[in-house]
């Protein structure tokens, strides 16, 4: 059985986002498992009483927090959260008192309030892990939330009542993104489509390129390519000298040499013609 989800929001702060979240969860979990006050509270009933009853039935409460959630004011200029009858305060305080997991859904850079900024019965909200939702990545952010809720409902089916005694750290946060995506129905493709993961992967790829370039430069520096052996100068052919009866024939290059002609006898040479 899937977990029943209670969506807590402040109309002046996040009505549009809360409606989008509810529509997506209606499709994924079923309308009977999602409670939001717009349509779920019958006419003429005690609003506060119904809120307490519905919170008691839920397995998890989503506290949708926008930029103006903390400092929203009433018509008299008083901060709404300081009013014990403020509906948002009633919803979240009831879930915290029952140890029901409360997940802050942080819209467009909103932050989880500090304990010193909250009334006494909401101070524990400052310790709950939240997840961010942005307009540009709404579908991917909701995919992670839906997978986390379905994963928790599977655990609850194996051991009934596990969610009621759990805490917000059981649900997807920034540290759980990679695991929840890889386990989700989209598998690796869903992981790669996420813009945050694409940015991390681009950083890793750039680092690998830089590292590979540095290793190659170091290899070339410390292990240069062997030089080709220089061509050897040809050995000069020794000069040849022939003496022939008063004439000298020299072959080859002769430099820095002194040639001395020896004596010959007439018997060694043929007679000269007269």
Protein backbone atom coordinates (compact mmCIF):
# COMPACT_ATOMS: atom_id res chain seq x y z
CA UNK A 1 0.00 0.00 0.00
CA UNK A 2 1.35 3.42 -0.99
CA UNK A 3 2.03 6.08 1.62
CA UNK A 4 -0.68 8.68 2.18
CA UNK A 5 0.71 12.17 1.67
CA UNK A 6 -0.46 15.39 3.33
CA UNK A 7 0.50 18.59 1.50
CA UNK A 8 0.87 21.61 3.78
CA UNK A 9 1.28 25.00 2.12
CA UNK A 10 0.50 28.67 2.52
CA UNK A 11 -1.75 30.02 -0.23
CA UNK A 12 -0.18 33.47 -0.46
CA UNK A 13 3.28 31.90 -0.66
CA UNK A 14 3.11 28.76 -2.80
CA UNK A 15 -0.43 27.91 -4.00
CA UNK A 16 0.71 27.44 -7.61
CA UNK A 17 3.55 25.08 -6.76
CA UNK A 18 1.43 23.15 -4.26
CA UNK A 19 -1.19 22.57 -6.96
CA UNK A 20 1.43 21.24 -9.37
CA UNK A 21 2.85 18.93 -6.71
CA UNK A 22 -0.64 17.63 -5.88
CA UNK A 23 -1.48 16.99 -9.55
CA UNK A 24 1.70 14.98 -10.05
CA UNK A 25 1.20 12.94 -6.88
CA UNK A 26 -2.45 12.31 -7.83
CA UNK A 27 -1.24 10.69 -11.05
CA UNK A 28 1.52 8.69 -9.40
CA UNK A 29 -0.09 7.62 -6.13
CA UNK A 30 -3.82 8.06 -6.68
CA UNK A 31 -6.17 10.82 -5.55
CA UNK A 32 -7.23 8.92 -2.43
CA UNK A 33 -3.65 8.98 -1.14
CA UNK A 34 -3.07 12.73 -1.43
CA UNK A 35 -4.64 15.30 0.90
CA UNK A 36 -4.66 19.03 0.27
CA UNK A 37 -7.22 21.31 1.90
CA UNK A 38 -8.62 22.87 -1.25
CA UNK A 39 -10.87 19.98 -2.22
CA UNK A 40 -10.55 17.45 0.59
CA UNK A 41 -12.33 19.24 3.46
CA UNK A 42 -16.15 18.95 3.36
CA UNK A 43 -18.18 22.13 3.57
CA UNK A 44 -19.43 23.12 7.01
CA UNK A 45 -16.90 21.04 8.98
CA UNK A 46 -14.50 22.17 11.69
CA UNK A 47 -11.37 23.05 9.71
CA UNK A 48 -8.93 22.55 12.59
CA UNK A 49 -10.48 19.23 13.63
CA UNK A 50 -10.36 17.87 10.10
CA UNK A 51 -6.72 18.90 9.76
CA UNK A 52 -5.74 16.99 12.91
CA UNK A 53 -7.64 13.91 11.73
CA UNK A 54 -6.11 13.96 8.26
CA UNK A 55 -2.60 14.50 9.55
CA UNK A 56 -3.06 11.49 11.83
CA UNK A 57 -3.94 9.35 8.79
CA UNK A 58 -0.96 10.37 6.68
CA UNK A 59 2.38 8.60 6.40
CA UNK A 60 4.32 11.70 5.45
CA UNK A 61 3.72 15.45 5.42
CA UNK A 62 5.18 17.70 2.73
CA UNK A 63 5.73 21.21 4.07
CA UNK A 64 5.85 23.39 0.96
CA UNK A 65 8.04 26.38 1.83
CA UNK A 66 8.39 29.33 -0.52
CA UNK A 67 10.34 32.58 -0.16
CA UNK A 68 7.61 34.26 1.95
CA UNK A 69 6.56 31.27 4.06
CA UNK A 70 8.36 32.30 7.23
CA UNK A 71 7.38 35.97 7.30
CA UNK A 72 3.80 35.84 5.96
CA UNK A 73 1.58 38.43 7.70
CA UNK A 74 -2.16 38.68 8.44
CA UNK A 75 -4.36 41.70 7.84
CA UNK A 76 -3.13 43.25 11.10
CA UNK A 77 0.53 42.95 10.21
CA UNK A 78 1.20 40.08 12.65
CA UNK A 79 3.28 37.12 11.58
CA UNK A 80 0.95 34.20 10.87
CA UNK A 81 3.22 31.53 12.38
CA UNK A 82 2.99 33.28 15.75
CA UNK A 83 -0.75 32.59 15.83
CA UNK A 84 -1.52 29.22 17.52
CA UNK A 85 -4.60 28.91 15.26
CA UNK A 86 -2.65 29.37 12.05
CA UNK A 87 -3.56 26.40 9.84
CA UNK A 88 -0.05 25.82 8.55
CA UNK A 89 1.28 25.80 12.11
CA UNK A 90 -1.47 23.38 13.18
CA UNK A 91 -0.69 20.95 10.34
CA UNK A 92 3.08 20.79 10.82
CA UNK A 93 2.92 20.78 14.62
CA UNK A 94 0.45 17.87 14.55
CA UNK A 95 2.77 15.82 12.34
CA UNK A 96 5.83 16.56 14.47
CA UNK A 97 3.98 15.64 17.65
CA UNK A 98 2.98 12.29 16.13
CA UNK A 99 6.54 11.60 14.87
CA UNK A 100 5.27 11.60 11.29
CA UNK A 101 8.03 12.33 8.76
CA UNK A 102 7.93 15.96 7.66
CA UNK A 103 9.75 16.83 4.43
CA UNK A 104 10.38 20.53 3.76
CA UNK A 105 9.85 21.17 0.05
CA UNK A 106 12.01 24.22 -0.65
CA UNK A 107 10.87 26.30 -3.62
CA UNK A 108 13.23 28.36 -5.77
CA UNK A 109 16.05 28.72 -3.27
CA UNK A 110 13.98 28.98 -0.10
CA UNK A 111 15.75 27.74 3.05
CA UNK A 112 14.73 25.71 6.07
CA UNK A 113 13.99 28.15 8.93
CA UNK A 114 16.28 28.24 11.94
CA UNK A 115 14.92 27.04 15.28
CA UNK A 116 15.13 30.56 16.69
CA UNK A 117 12.80 31.76 13.93
CA UNK A 118 10.05 29.26 14.73
CA UNK A 119 7.46 28.94 17.51
CA UNK A 120 8.13 26.29 20.12
CA UNK A 121 5.97 23.55 18.59
CA UNK A 122 7.67 23.95 15.18
CA UNK A 123 11.32 24.14 16.24
CA UNK A 124 11.98 20.52 15.25
CA UNK A 125 11.21 21.46 11.63
CA UNK A 126 14.63 23.13 11.49
CA UNK A 127 16.25 19.69 11.92
CA UNK A 128 14.40 17.97 9.08
CA UNK A 129 16.13 17.24 5.79
CA UNK A 130 14.45 18.89 2.85
CA UNK A 131 14.64 18.76 -0.92
CA UNK A 132 14.69 21.63 -3.37
CA UNK A 133 12.24 22.07 -6.24
CA UNK A 134 12.88 24.53 -9.05
CA UNK A 135 10.73 25.56 -11.97
CA UNK A 136 13.47 24.69 -14.48
CA UNK A 137 13.91 21.16 -13.12
CA UNK A 138 10.42 20.55 -11.73
CA UNK A 139 9.81 17.20 -13.44
CA UNK A 140 13.19 15.77 -12.46
CA UNK A 141 12.77 17.01 -8.88
CA UNK A 142 9.32 15.46 -8.67
CA UNK A 143 10.64 12.20 -10.11
CA UNK A 144 13.03 11.94 -7.16
CA UNK A 145 10.29 12.75 -4.69
CA UNK A 146 7.88 10.21 -6.16
CA UNK A 147 10.52 7.49 -6.18
CA UNK A 148 11.34 8.25 -2.56
CA UNK A 149 7.70 8.10 -1.52
CA UNK A 150 7.13 4.85 -3.39
CA UNK A 151 10.28 3.35 -1.94
CA UNK A 152 9.11 4.20 1.56
CA UNK A 153 5.68 2.73 0.88
CA UNK A 154 7.35 -0.54 -0.19
CA UNK A 155 9.24 -0.64 3.10
CA UNK A 156 6.04 0.12 4.95
CA UNK A 157 4.37 -2.81 3.22
CA UNK A 158 7.12 -5.13 4.46
CA UNK A 159 6.77 -3.79 8.00
CA UNK A 160 3.54 -1.92 8.69
CA UNK A 161 3.93 1.22 10.71
CA UNK A 162 7.58 1.77 9.81
CA UNK A 163 6.89 5.20 8.33
CA UNK A 164 5.05 6.45 11.39
CA UNK A 165 8.14 5.85 13.49
CA UNK A 166 10.60 7.11 10.90
CA UNK A 167 12.05 10.51 10.29
CA UNK A 168 12.62 12.83 7.40
CA UNK A 169 16.07 11.40 6.68
CA UNK A 170 14.31 8.32 5.27
CA UNK A 171 13.22 10.40 2.29
CA UNK A 172 15.25 11.64 -0.67
CA UNK A 173 17.60 14.53 0.04
CA UNK A 174 20.56 15.88 -1.89
CA UNK A 175 22.75 13.08 -0.63
CA UNK A 176 20.26 10.46 -1.88
CA UNK A 177 19.81 11.81 -5.38
CA UNK A 178 22.25 9.53 -7.20
CA UNK A 179 21.05 6.33 -5.51
CA UNK A 180 17.37 7.07 -5.97
CA UNK A 181 17.88 7.87 -9.64
CA UNK A 182 19.83 4.73 -10.41
CA UNK A 183 17.19 2.62 -8.69
CA UNK A 184 14.29 4.42 -10.37
CA UNK A 185 12.36 3.21 -13.42
CA UNK A 186 14.38 5.40 -15.77
CA UNK A 187 17.64 3.76 -14.71
CA UNK A 188 20.84 5.21 -16.13
CA UNK A 189 18.96 7.40 -18.61
CA UNK A 190 17.09 9.12 -15.78
CA UNK A 191 20.39 9.67 -14.00
CA UNK A 192 21.97 11.24 -17.07
CA UNK A 193 18.98 13.52 -17.77
CA UNK A 194 19.30 15.24 -14.43
CA UNK A 195 20.98 18.64 -14.91
CA UNK A 196 22.93 18.44 -11.66
CA UNK A 197 24.38 15.07 -12.64
CA UNK A 198 25.25 16.41 -16.10
CA UNK A 199 27.20 19.24 -14.48
CA UNK A 200 29.09 16.86 -12.20
CA UNK A 201 29.89 14.54 -15.10
CA UNK A 202 31.18 17.47 -17.18
CA UNK A 203 33.48 18.44 -14.31
CA UNK A 204 34.78 14.89 -14.06
CA UNK A 205 35.34 14.69 -17.83
CA UNK A 206 37.25 17.97 -17.81
CA UNK A 207 39.40 16.77 -14.93
CA UNK A 208 40.21 13.53 -16.75
CA UNK A 209 41.25 15.45 -19.88
CA UNK A 210 43.55 17.71 -17.85
CA UNK A 211 45.05 14.74 -16.01
CA UNK A 212 45.63 12.81 -19.23
CA UNK A 213 47.29 15.84 -20.84
CA UNK A 214 49.59 16.29 -17.85
CA UNK A 215 50.60 12.63 -17.85
CA UNK A 216 51.40 12.74 -21.57
CA UNK A 217 53.52 15.89 -21.16
CA UNK A 218 55.43 14.30 -18.26
CA UNK A 219 56.01 11.12 -20.27
CA UNK A 220 57.36 13.06 -23.24
CA UNK A 221 59.61 15.14 -20.95
CA UNK A 222 61.14 12.25 -19.00
CA UNK A 223 61.17 9.69 -21.81
CA UNK A 224 62.07 11.56 -25.02
CA UNK A 225 62.08 9.73 -28.33
CA UNK A 226 65.54 8.23 -29.23
CA UNK A 227 67.57 10.28 -31.71
CA UNK A 228 68.37 8.73 -35.08
CA UNK A 229 72.10 7.86 -35.47
CA UNK A 230 74.03 10.50 -37.35
CA UNK A 231 75.20 9.59 -40.80
CA UNK A 232 78.83 8.61 -40.77
CA UNK A 233 81.22 10.58 -42.97
CA UNK A 234 82.41 8.48 -45.88
CA UNK A 235 85.93 7.17 -45.52
CA UNK A 236 88.05 8.98 -48.10
CA UNK A 237 89.46 6.79 -50.79
CA UNK A 238 93.23 6.79 -50.52
CA UNK A 239 94.95 8.56 -53.31
CA UNK A 240 96.64 6.39 -55.89
CA UNK A 241 99.91 7.52 -57.46
CA UNK A 242 101.51 5.97 -60.48
CA UNK A 243 104.87 6.95 -61.98
CA UNK A 244 105.52 6.15 -65.61
CA UNK A 245 108.92 7.04 -67.01
CA UNK A 246 109.07 10.68 -66.28
CA UNK A 247 105.30 11.25 -65.88
CA UNK A 248 103.20 11.11 -62.74
CA UNK A 249 99.47 10.24 -62.77
CA UNK A 250 97.60 11.07 -59.58
CA UNK A 251 94.15 9.65 -58.88
CA UNK A 252 91.87 10.76 -56.03
CA UNK A 253 92.18 13.76 -53.78
CA UNK A 254 95.62 14.52 -52.47
CA UNK A 255 96.07 17.25 -49.90
CA UNK A 256 98.87 18.09 -47.54
CA UNK A 257 101.14 15.45 -49.09
CA UNK A 258 104.65 15.66 -50.53
CA UNK A 259 105.38 13.51 -53.50
CA UNK A 260 108.99 12.56 -54.16
CA UNK A 261 109.88 10.90 -57.41
CA UNK A 262 112.37 8.10 -57.17
CA UNK A 263 115.03 7.28 -59.75
CA UNK A 264 114.43 5.02 -62.64
CA UNK A 265 116.85 3.44 -65.05
CA UNK A 266 116.66 3.67 -68.79
CA UNK A 267 116.31 -0.05 -68.89
CA UNK A 268 113.02 0.22 -67.26
CA UNK A 269 111.52 2.50 -69.94
CA UNK A 270 111.11 1.88 -73.63
CA UNK A 271 113.31 3.99 -75.94
CA UNK A 272 111.91 7.31 -76.97
CA UNK A 273 111.23 7.79 -80.60
CA UNK A 274 113.62 10.14 -82.39
